[in-house]
Protein backbone atom coordinates (compact mmCIF):
# COMPACT_ATOMS: atom_id res chain seq x y z
CA MET A 1 5.21 5.70 15.78
CA PHE A 2 1.87 7.50 16.02
CA GLY A 3 0.20 10.80 15.28
CA LYS A 4 2.09 13.53 13.48
CA ALA A 5 5.29 11.47 13.14
CA PHE A 6 3.34 8.72 11.37
CA THR A 7 1.61 11.20 9.05
CA ASP A 8 4.94 12.92 8.37
CA LEU A 9 6.51 9.57 7.45
CA LYS A 10 3.76 8.92 4.90
CA ARG A 11 4.11 12.43 3.49
CA GLN A 12 7.91 12.22 3.38
CA HIS A 13 7.71 9.00 1.35
CA GLY A 14 5.08 10.28 -1.06
CA VAL A 15 2.04 8.27 -0.02
CA PRO A 16 -0.98 10.09 -1.52
CA GLU A 17 -3.55 11.06 1.11
CA SER A 18 -6.25 9.05 -0.68
CA LEU A 19 -4.18 5.85 -0.24
CA ARG A 20 -3.05 6.28 3.36
CA SER A 21 -3.93 3.47 5.70
CA CYS A 22 -3.03 1.99 9.07
CA HIS A 23 0.40 0.51 8.28
CA THR A 24 3.45 1.82 6.41
CA ALA A 25 6.54 -0.22 5.58
CA LEU A 26 9.68 0.54 3.60
CA VAL A 27 10.93 -2.49 1.65
CA GLU A 28 13.98 -2.31 -0.63
CA GLY A 29 13.24 1.29 -1.55
CA TYR A 30 9.48 0.86 -2.02
CA VAL A 31 6.67 2.02 0.26
CA ILE A 32 4.05 -0.57 1.23
CA GLU A 33 0.93 1.04 2.65
CA GLY A 34 -1.84 -0.91 4.32
CA HIS A 35 -2.75 -4.57 3.92
CA VAL A 36 -0.87 -5.42 0.69
CA PRO A 37 -0.71 -9.18 -0.02
CA ALA A 38 2.78 -10.67 0.35
CA GLU A 39 2.73 -12.21 -3.15
CA LEU A 40 2.29 -8.74 -4.65
CA ILE A 41 5.21 -7.40 -2.62
CA HIS A 42 7.32 -10.28 -3.96
CA LYS A 43 6.14 -9.47 -7.51
CA LEU A 44 7.00 -5.80 -6.99
CA LEU A 45 10.51 -6.64 -5.78
CA LYS A 46 11.09 -9.03 -8.66
CA GLU A 47 9.80 -6.72 -11.43
CA LYS A 48 11.08 -3.43 -9.93
CA PRO A 49 8.66 -1.09 -11.71
CA PRO A 50 9.36 2.66 -11.65
CA ILE A 51 6.85 3.44 -8.90
CA VAL A 52 7.11 4.63 -5.31
CA GLY A 53 5.00 1.87 -3.84
CA LEU A 54 1.82 -0.12 -3.37
CA ALA A 55 -1.18 0.60 -1.18
CA VAL A 56 -4.43 -0.93 -0.04
CA PRO A 57 -6.48 1.97 1.31
CA GLY A 58 -8.76 1.21 4.21
CA MET A 59 -8.94 -2.19 5.81
CA PRO A 60 -10.96 -4.41 3.45
CA VAL A 61 -12.25 -7.69 4.85
CA GLY A 62 -10.29 -10.53 3.30
CA SER A 63 -7.05 -8.60 2.89
CA PRO A 64 -4.00 -9.92 4.80
CA GLY A 65 -4.57 -9.47 8.50
CA MET A 66 -8.26 -8.77 7.96
CA GLU A 67 -9.44 -12.34 7.50
CA GLY A 68 -12.83 -13.38 8.83
CA GLY A 69 -16.26 -12.48 7.68
CA LYS A 70 -17.21 -12.34 4.03
CA PRO A 71 -14.21 -11.21 1.94
CA GLU A 72 -14.85 -8.10 -0.12
CA PRO A 73 -13.16 -7.26 -3.41
CA TYR A 74 -10.47 -4.60 -3.21
CA ASN A 75 -7.82 -2.96 -5.34
CA VAL A 76 -4.10 -2.83 -4.66
CA MET A 77 -2.99 0.54 -5.98
CA SER A 78 0.41 1.65 -7.23
CA PHE A 79 1.57 5.23 -6.91
CA ASP A 80 4.45 7.16 -8.43
CA LYS A 81 6.56 10.13 -7.37
CA ASN A 82 4.01 12.55 -8.88
CA GLY A 83 1.16 11.02 -6.87
CA LYS A 84 -0.36 9.30 -9.92
CA THR A 85 -2.24 6.18 -8.89
CA GLN A 86 -3.44 3.17 -10.81
CA VAL A 87 -4.73 -0.31 -10.10
CA TYR A 88 -1.79 -2.71 -9.70
CA ALA A 89 -3.95 -5.76 -8.90
CA ARG A 90 -7.51 -6.64 -8.00
CA ARG A 91 -8.29 -9.01 -5.15
């Protein structure tokens, strides 16, 4: 899925524009956007917080799938149905 269909999918599932990235997945009712570490997805599914999903905006070096080079710190953000975002974890 590319182009408008991909953007529409993100919009339809409430991914704030500021958090949109290169990958979108739907996992047990949550949206996973970008290079979110697997352990945080497992934590999300275990705790089941009242959020829409998690996102890693951009493609930070050192995030899953972006290994190589000098890892850079990045935030994994949560977002809710109103578009409110907050830091879920720091990596």
